[in-house]
All heavy atoms as atom14 arrays in JSON, in Angstrom:
{
  "sequence": "GSCFAGTFFEIAIAADRSFMLNEPDVPVHLRIGPL",
  "atom14_mask": [
    [1, 1, 1, 1, 0, 0, 0, 0, 0, 0, 0, 0, 0, 0],
    [1, 1, 1, 1, 1, 1, 0, 0, 0, 0, 0, 0, 0, 0],
    [1, 1, 1, 1, 1, 1, 0, 0, 0, 0, 0, 0, 0, 0],
    [1, 1, 1, 1, 1, 1, 1, 1, 1, 1, 1, 0, 0, 0],
    [1, 1, 1, 1, 1, 0, 0, 0, 0, 0, 0, 0, 0, 0],
    [1, 1, 1, 1, 0, 0, 0, 0, 0, 0, 0, 0, 0, 0],
    [1, 1, 1, 1, 1, 1, 1, 0, 0, 0, 0, 0, 0, 0],
    [1, 1, 1, 1, 1, 1, 1, 1, 1, 1, 1, 0, 0, 0],
    [1, 1, 1, 1, 1, 1, 1, 1, 1, 1, 1, 0, 0, 0],
    [1, 1, 1, 1, 1, 1, 1, 1, 1, 0, 0, 0, 0, 0],
    [1, 1, 1, 1, 1, 1, 1, 1, 0, 0, 0, 0, 0, 0],
    [1, 1, 1, 1, 1, 0, 0, 0, 0, 0, 0, 0, 0, 0],
    [1, 1, 1, 1, 1, 1, 1, 1, 0, 0, 0, 0, 0, 0],
    [1, 1, 1, 1, 1, 0, 0, 0, 0, 0, 0, 0, 0, 0],
    [1, 1, 1, 1, 1, 0, 0, 0, 0, 0, 0, 0, 0, 0],
    [1, 1, 1, 1, 1, 1, 1, 1, 0, 0, 0, 0, 0, 0],
    [1, 1, 1, 1, 1, 1, 1, 1, 1, 1, 1, 0, 0, 0],
    [1, 1, 1, 1, 1, 1, 0, 0, 0, 0, 0, 0, 0, 0],
    [1, 1, 1, 1, 1, 1, 1, 1, 1, 1, 1, 0, 0, 0],
    [1, 1, 1, 1, 1, 1, 1, 1, 0, 0, 0, 0, 0, 0],
    [1, 1, 1, 1, 1, 1, 1, 1, 0, 0, 0, 0, 0, 0],
    [1, 1, 1, 1, 1, 1, 1, 1, 0, 0, 0, 0, 0, 0],
    [1, 1, 1, 1, 1, 1, 1, 1, 1, 0, 0, 0, 0, 0],
    [1, 1, 1, 1, 1, 1, 1, 0, 0, 0, 0, 0, 0, 0],
    [1, 1, 1, 1, 1, 1, 1, 1, 0, 0, 0, 0, 0, 0],
    [1, 1, 1, 1, 1, 1, 1, 0, 0, 0, 0, 0, 0, 0],
    [1, 1, 1, 1, 1, 1, 1, 0, 0, 0, 0, 0, 0, 0],
    [1, 1, 1, 1, 1, 1, 1, 0, 0, 0, 0, 0, 0, 0],
    [1, 1, 1, 1, 1, 1, 1, 1, 1, 1, 0, 0, 0, 0],
    [1, 1, 1, 1, 1, 1, 1, 1, 0, 0, 0, 0, 0, 0],
    [1, 1, 1, 1, 1, 1, 1, 1, 1, 1, 1, 0, 0, 0],
    [1, 1, 1, 1, 1, 1, 1, 1, 0, 0, 0, 0, 0, 0],
    [1, 1, 1, 1, 0, 0, 0, 0, 0, 0, 0, 0, 0, 0],
    [1, 1, 1, 1, 1, 1, 1, 0, 0, 0, 0, 0, 0, 0],
    [1, 1, 1, 1, 1, 1, 1, 1, 0, 0, 0, 0, 0, 0]
  ],
  "atom14_positions": [
    [[132.24, 150.59, 141.3], [132.99, 149.49, 141.91], [132.17, 148.67, 142.89], [132.55, 147.66, 143.44], [0.0, 0.0, 0.0], [0.0, 0.0, 0.0], [0.0, 0.0, 0.0], [0.0, 0.0, 0.0], [0.0, 0.0, 0.0], [0.0, 0.0, 0.0], [0.0, 0.0, 0.0], [0.0, 0.0, 0.0], [0.0, 0.0, 0.0], [0.0, 0.0, 0.0]],
    [[130.87, 149.05, 143.1], [130.03, 148.29, 143.99], [129.56, 146.93, 143.31], [129.67, 146.82, 142.14], [128.69, 149.1, 144.27], [128.98, 150.22, 145.15], [0.0, 0.0, 0.0], [0.0, 0.0, 0.0], [0.0, 0.0, 0.0], [0.0, 0.0, 0.0], [0.0, 0.0, 0.0], [0.0, 0.0, 0.0], [0.0, 0.0, 0.0], [0.0, 0.0, 0.0]],
    [[129.14, 146.06, 144.15], [128.71, 144.76, 143.7], [127.55, 144.24, 144.51], [127.67, 143.18, 145.12], [129.87, 143.75, 143.58], [130.72, 143.53, 145.19], [0.0, 0.0, 0.0], [0.0, 0.0, 0.0], [0.0, 0.0, 0.0], [0.0, 0.0, 0.0], [0.0, 0.0, 0.0], [0.0, 0.0, 0.0], [0.0, 0.0, 0.0], [0.0, 0.0, 0.0]],
    [[126.51, 145.13, 144.61], [125.3, 144.68, 145.33], [124.5, 143.72, 144.51], [123.54, 144.05, 143.95], [124.5, 145.87, 145.83], [125.09, 146.7, 146.93], [125.91, 147.83, 146.69], [124.89, 146.25, 148.21], [126.39, 148.55, 147.78], [125.53, 147.01, 149.22], [126.24, 148.15, 149.0], [0.0, 0.0, 0.0], [0.0, 0.0, 0.0], [0.0, 0.0, 0.0]],
    [[124.98, 142.42, 144.49], [124.32, 141.45, 143.62], [124.12, 140.18, 144.53], [124.8, 139.97, 145.5], [125.16, 141.12, 142.45], [0.0, 0.0, 0.0], [0.0, 0.0, 0.0], [0.0, 0.0, 0.0], [0.0, 0.0, 0.0], [0.0, 0.0, 0.0], [0.0, 0.0, 0.0], [0.0, 0.0, 0.0], [0.0, 0.0, 0.0], [0.0, 0.0, 0.0]],
    [[123.07, 139.47, 144.21], [122.76, 138.2, 144.86], [122.59, 138.41, 146.36], [121.74, 139.19, 146.79], [0.0, 0.0, 0.0], [0.0, 0.0, 0.0], [0.0, 0.0, 0.0], [0.0, 0.0, 0.0], [0.0, 0.0, 0.0], [0.0, 0.0, 0.0], [0.0, 0.0, 0.0], [0.0, 0.0, 0.0], [0.0, 0.0, 0.0], [0.0, 0.0, 0.0]],
    [[123.37, 137.64, 147.13], [123.19, 137.86, 148.65], [123.58, 139.31, 149.06], [123.07, 139.74, 150.09], [124.08, 136.83, 149.33], [125.4, 136.71, 148.82], [123.41, 135.47, 149.31], [0.0, 0.0, 0.0], [0.0, 0.0, 0.0], [0.0, 0.0, 0.0], [0.0, 0.0, 0.0], [0.0, 0.0, 0.0], [0.0, 0.0, 0.0], [0.0, 0.0, 0.0]],
    [[124.45, 139.99, 148.33], [124.86, 141.29, 148.65], [123.72, 142.26, 148.42], [123.66, 143.34, 148.93], [126.13, 141.7, 147.97], [127.41, 141.27, 148.64], [127.44, 140.36, 149.63], [128.6, 141.82, 148.23], [128.56, 139.88, 150.22], [129.78, 141.44, 148.84], [129.78, 140.4, 149.88], [0.0, 0.0, 0.0], [0.0, 0.0, 0.0], [0.0, 0.0, 0.0]],
    [[122.86, 141.87, 147.45], [121.67, 142.72, 147.17], [120.85, 142.9, 148.48], [120.18, 143.95, 148.75], [120.76, 142.15, 146.11], [119.45, 142.87, 146.0], [119.3, 144.09, 145.39], [118.3, 142.21, 146.39], [118.04, 144.69, 145.24], [117.04, 142.74, 146.32], [116.93, 144.06, 145.75], [0.0, 0.0, 0.0], [0.0, 0.0, 0.0], [0.0, 0.0, 0.0]],
    [[120.79, 141.83, 149.31], [120.14, 141.85, 150.57], [120.65, 142.88, 151.59], [119.97, 143.38, 152.29], [120.05, 140.46, 151.2], [119.31, 139.42, 150.42], [117.82, 139.55, 150.37], [117.21, 139.64, 151.5], [117.21, 139.71, 149.27], [0.0, 0.0, 0.0], [0.0, 0.0, 0.0], [0.0, 0.0, 0.0], [0.0, 0.0, 0.0], [0.0, 0.0, 0.0]],
    [[121.88, 143.08, 151.48], [122.58, 144.15, 152.32], [121.97, 145.54, 151.98], [121.68, 146.36, 152.86], [124.01, 144.09, 152.2], [124.62, 142.75, 152.66], [124.72, 145.26, 152.8], [126.05, 142.55, 152.46], [0.0, 0.0, 0.0], [0.0, 0.0, 0.0], [0.0, 0.0, 0.0], [0.0, 0.0, 0.0], [0.0, 0.0, 0.0], [0.0, 0.0, 0.0]],
    [[121.87, 145.71, 150.62], [121.33, 147.04, 150.16], [119.96, 147.35, 150.67], [119.63, 148.44, 151.17], [121.38, 147.11, 148.67], [0.0, 0.0, 0.0], [0.0, 0.0, 0.0], [0.0, 0.0, 0.0], [0.0, 0.0, 0.0], [0.0, 0.0, 0.0], [0.0, 0.0, 0.0], [0.0, 0.0, 0.0], [0.0, 0.0, 0.0], [0.0, 0.0, 0.0]],
    [[119.07, 146.3, 150.55], [117.59, 146.53, 150.95], [117.42, 146.35, 152.4], [116.34, 146.67, 152.95], [116.71, 145.73, 150.13], [116.86, 144.19, 150.23], [116.7, 146.14, 148.59], [115.81, 143.42, 149.58], [0.0, 0.0, 0.0], [0.0, 0.0, 0.0], [0.0, 0.0, 0.0], [0.0, 0.0, 0.0], [0.0, 0.0, 0.0], [0.0, 0.0, 0.0]],
    [[118.49, 145.91, 153.09], [118.33, 145.87, 154.61], [118.55, 147.23, 155.11], [118.23, 147.52, 156.3], [119.38, 144.94, 155.16], [0.0, 0.0, 0.0], [0.0, 0.0, 0.0], [0.0, 0.0, 0.0], [0.0, 0.0, 0.0], [0.0, 0.0, 0.0], [0.0, 0.0, 0.0], [0.0, 0.0, 0.0], [0.0, 0.0, 0.0], [0.0, 0.0, 0.0]],
    [[119.19, 148.16, 154.43], [119.54, 149.49, 154.85], [118.34, 150.37, 155.11], [117.29, 150.11, 154.45], [120.52, 150.11, 153.85], [0.0, 0.0, 0.0], [0.0, 0.0, 0.0], [0.0, 0.0, 0.0], [0.0, 0.0, 0.0], [0.0, 0.0, 0.0], [0.0, 0.0, 0.0], [0.0, 0.0, 0.0], [0.0, 0.0, 0.0], [0.0, 0.0, 0.0]],
    [[118.5, 151.31, 155.98], [117.41, 152.27, 156.18], [117.25, 153.24, 154.93], [116.07, 153.66, 154.56], [117.62, 153.17, 157.42], [117.83, 152.25, 158.62], [116.79, 151.71, 158.99], [118.86, 152.17, 159.17], [0.0, 0.0, 0.0], [0.0, 0.0, 0.0], [0.0, 0.0, 0.0], [0.0, 0.0, 0.0], [0.0, 0.0, 0.0], [0.0, 0.0, 0.0]],
    [[118.34, 153.53, 154.3], [118.34, 154.4, 153.05], [119.4, 153.77, 152.14], [120.43, 153.25, 152.57], [118.62, 155.83, 153.29], [117.69, 156.58, 154.1], [118.0, 158.06, 154.16], [117.33, 158.78, 155.19], [117.56, 160.07, 155.45], [118.48, 160.77, 154.76], [116.82, 160.69, 156.38], [0.0, 0.0, 0.0], [0.0, 0.0, 0.0], [0.0, 0.0, 0.0]],
    [[119.16, 153.89, 150.77], [120.11, 153.54, 149.84], [120.23, 154.61, 148.72], [119.33, 155.24, 148.37], [119.78, 152.25, 149.18], [118.42, 152.36, 148.61], [0.0, 0.0, 0.0], [0.0, 0.0, 0.0], [0.0, 0.0, 0.0], [0.0, 0.0, 0.0], [0.0, 0.0, 0.0], [0.0, 0.0, 0.0], [0.0, 0.0, 0.0], [0.0, 0.0, 0.0]],
    [[121.6, 154.97, 148.38], [121.9, 155.98, 147.45], [122.64, 155.23, 146.31], [123.6, 154.53, 146.52], [122.86, 157.01, 148.09], [122.27, 157.69, 149.31], [122.35, 157.15, 150.55], [121.71, 158.94, 149.2], [121.84, 157.71, 151.66], [121.25, 159.55, 150.22], [121.13, 158.96, 151.46], [0.0, 0.0, 0.0], [0.0, 0.0, 0.0], [0.0, 0.0, 0.0]],
    [[122.1, 155.39, 145.01], [122.66, 154.78, 143.95], [123.1, 155.84, 142.91], [122.26, 156.69, 142.51], [121.77, 153.78, 143.33], [122.26, 152.97, 142.23], [121.15, 151.61, 141.74], [122.15, 150.78, 140.45], [0.0, 0.0, 0.0], [0.0, 0.0, 0.0], [0.0, 0.0, 0.0], [0.0, 0.0, 0.0], [0.0, 0.0, 0.0], [0.0, 0.0, 0.0]],
    [[124.32, 155.81, 142.49], [124.86, 156.78, 141.56], [124.16, 156.61, 140.24], [124.24, 155.46, 139.68], [126.44, 156.56, 141.44], [127.07, 157.51, 140.37], [126.91, 159.04, 140.76], [128.59, 157.2, 140.3], [0.0, 0.0, 0.0], [0.0, 0.0, 0.0], [0.0, 0.0, 0.0], [0.0, 0.0, 0.0], [0.0, 0.0, 0.0], [0.0, 0.0, 0.0]],
    [[123.63, 157.61, 139.74], [123.03, 157.64, 138.32], [123.89, 158.36, 137.36], [123.74, 159.59, 137.17], [121.63, 158.22, 138.41], [120.84, 158.15, 137.12], [121.33, 157.57, 136.14], [119.66, 158.75, 137.04], [0.0, 0.0, 0.0], [0.0, 0.0, 0.0], [0.0, 0.0, 0.0], [0.0, 0.0, 0.0], [0.0, 0.0, 0.0], [0.0, 0.0, 0.0]],
    [[124.84, 157.68, 136.69], [125.79, 158.3, 135.8], [125.87, 157.36, 134.7], [126.48, 156.25, 134.78], [127.1, 158.46, 136.44], [128.24, 159.04, 135.55], [127.85, 160.34, 134.84], [127.26, 161.21, 135.58], [128.03, 160.45, 133.73], [0.0, 0.0, 0.0], [0.0, 0.0, 0.0], [0.0, 0.0, 0.0], [0.0, 0.0, 0.0], [0.0, 0.0, 0.0]],
    [[125.4, 157.72, 133.46], [125.35, 156.82, 132.33], [126.63, 156.21, 131.91], [126.81, 155.13, 131.43], [124.79, 157.67, 131.14], [123.94, 158.67, 131.93], [124.72, 159.0, 133.21], [0.0, 0.0, 0.0], [0.0, 0.0, 0.0], [0.0, 0.0, 0.0], [0.0, 0.0, 0.0], [0.0, 0.0, 0.0], [0.0, 0.0, 0.0], [0.0, 0.0, 0.0]],
    [[127.79, 157.0, 132.12], [129.09, 156.63, 131.71], [129.87, 155.68, 132.75], [130.93, 155.19, 132.47], [129.9, 157.78, 131.42], [129.39, 158.62, 130.24], [128.78, 158.04, 129.31], [129.64, 159.74, 130.18], [0.0, 0.0, 0.0], [0.0, 0.0, 0.0], [0.0, 0.0, 0.0], [0.0, 0.0, 0.0], [0.0, 0.0, 0.0], [0.0, 0.0, 0.0]],
    [[129.17, 155.52, 133.94], [129.82, 154.76, 134.97], [128.98, 153.52, 135.17], [127.68, 153.57, 135.44], [129.93, 155.53, 136.3], [130.44, 154.68, 137.42], [130.77, 156.79, 136.11], [0.0, 0.0, 0.0], [0.0, 0.0, 0.0], [0.0, 0.0, 0.0], [0.0, 0.0, 0.0], [0.0, 0.0, 0.0], [0.0, 0.0, 0.0], [0.0, 0.0, 0.0]],
    [[129.55, 152.29, 135.13], [128.71, 151.06, 135.27], [128.5, 150.79, 136.74], [129.24, 150.2, 137.45], [129.65, 149.92, 134.65], [131.01, 150.53, 134.92], [130.96, 152.06, 134.8], [0.0, 0.0, 0.0], [0.0, 0.0, 0.0], [0.0, 0.0, 0.0], [0.0, 0.0, 0.0], [0.0, 0.0, 0.0], [0.0, 0.0, 0.0], [0.0, 0.0, 0.0]],
    [[127.18, 151.15, 137.13], [126.7, 150.96, 138.56], [125.45, 150.18, 138.43], [124.41, 150.64, 137.83], [126.59, 152.23, 139.3], [126.02, 152.05, 140.79], [127.78, 153.0, 139.36], [0.0, 0.0, 0.0], [0.0, 0.0, 0.0], [0.0, 0.0, 0.0], [0.0, 0.0, 0.0], [0.0, 0.0, 0.0], [0.0, 0.0, 0.0], [0.0, 0.0, 0.0]],
    [[125.33, 149.0, 139.02], [124.2, 148.17, 138.95], [123.81, 147.44, 140.27], [124.62, 147.26, 141.09], [124.36, 147.08, 137.84], [124.58, 147.63, 136.47], [125.85, 147.86, 135.89], [123.64, 148.07, 135.49], [125.74, 148.41, 134.74], [124.41, 148.48, 134.5], [0.0, 0.0, 0.0], [0.0, 0.0, 0.0], [0.0, 0.0, 0.0], [0.0, 0.0, 0.0]],
    [[122.48, 147.1, 140.31], [122.05, 146.11, 141.29], [121.75, 144.84, 140.59], [121.52, 144.9, 139.31], [120.81, 146.56, 142.0], [120.86, 147.84, 143.0], [119.47, 148.21, 143.44], [121.75, 147.47, 144.24], [0.0, 0.0, 0.0], [0.0, 0.0, 0.0], [0.0, 0.0, 0.0], [0.0, 0.0, 0.0], [0.0, 0.0, 0.0], [0.0, 0.0, 0.0]],
    [[121.77, 143.75, 141.29], [121.32, 142.48, 140.61], [120.67, 141.51, 141.65], [121.31, 141.18, 142.59], [122.59, 141.82, 139.99], [122.21, 140.65, 139.13], [123.43, 140.18, 138.35], [123.14, 138.92, 137.61], [124.04, 138.26, 136.86], [125.23, 138.75, 136.65], [123.78, 137.07, 136.18], [0.0, 0.0, 0.0], [0.0, 0.0, 0.0], [0.0, 0.0, 0.0]],
    [[119.49, 141.23, 141.39], [118.61, 140.48, 142.31], [118.89, 138.89, 141.97], [118.79, 138.54, 140.85], [117.17, 140.74, 142.3], [116.94, 142.25, 142.54], [116.37, 139.95, 143.26], [115.51, 142.73, 142.32], [0.0, 0.0, 0.0], [0.0, 0.0, 0.0], [0.0, 0.0, 0.0], [0.0, 0.0, 0.0], [0.0, 0.0, 0.0], [0.0, 0.0, 0.0]],
    [[119.14, 138.16, 142.99], [119.36, 136.66, 142.87], [118.17, 135.87, 143.33], [117.27, 136.41, 144.01], [0.0, 0.0, 0.0], [0.0, 0.0, 0.0], [0.0, 0.0, 0.0], [0.0, 0.0, 0.0], [0.0, 0.0, 0.0], [0.0, 0.0, 0.0], [0.0, 0.0, 0.0], [0.0, 0.0, 0.0], [0.0, 0.0, 0.0], [0.0, 0.0, 0.0]],
    [[118.16, 134.58, 143.02], [117.04, 133.79, 143.4], [116.82, 133.59, 144.93], [115.72, 133.37, 145.39], [117.4, 132.39, 142.77], [118.81, 132.48, 142.51], [119.22, 133.85, 142.27], [0.0, 0.0, 0.0], [0.0, 0.0, 0.0], [0.0, 0.0, 0.0], [0.0, 0.0, 0.0], [0.0, 0.0, 0.0], [0.0, 0.0, 0.0], [0.0, 0.0, 0.0]],
    [[117.9, 133.84, 145.73], [117.76, 133.63, 147.18], [116.89, 134.74, 147.77], [116.45, 134.6, 148.9], [119.14, 133.66, 147.76], [120.02, 132.46, 147.47], [121.49, 132.66, 147.9], [119.45, 131.2, 148.12], [0.0, 0.0, 0.0], [0.0, 0.0, 0.0], [0.0, 0.0, 0.0], [0.0, 0.0, 0.0], [0.0, 0.0, 0.0], [0.0, 0.0, 0.0]]
  ]
}
């Protein structure tokens, strides 16, 4: 359900730590934008 994409991707890498669920059957993604 996460949407760390574009400007929201910056929120993820602003964090001290990040945890990303690695489950092939669950659509979890990051997406880097031009900004």
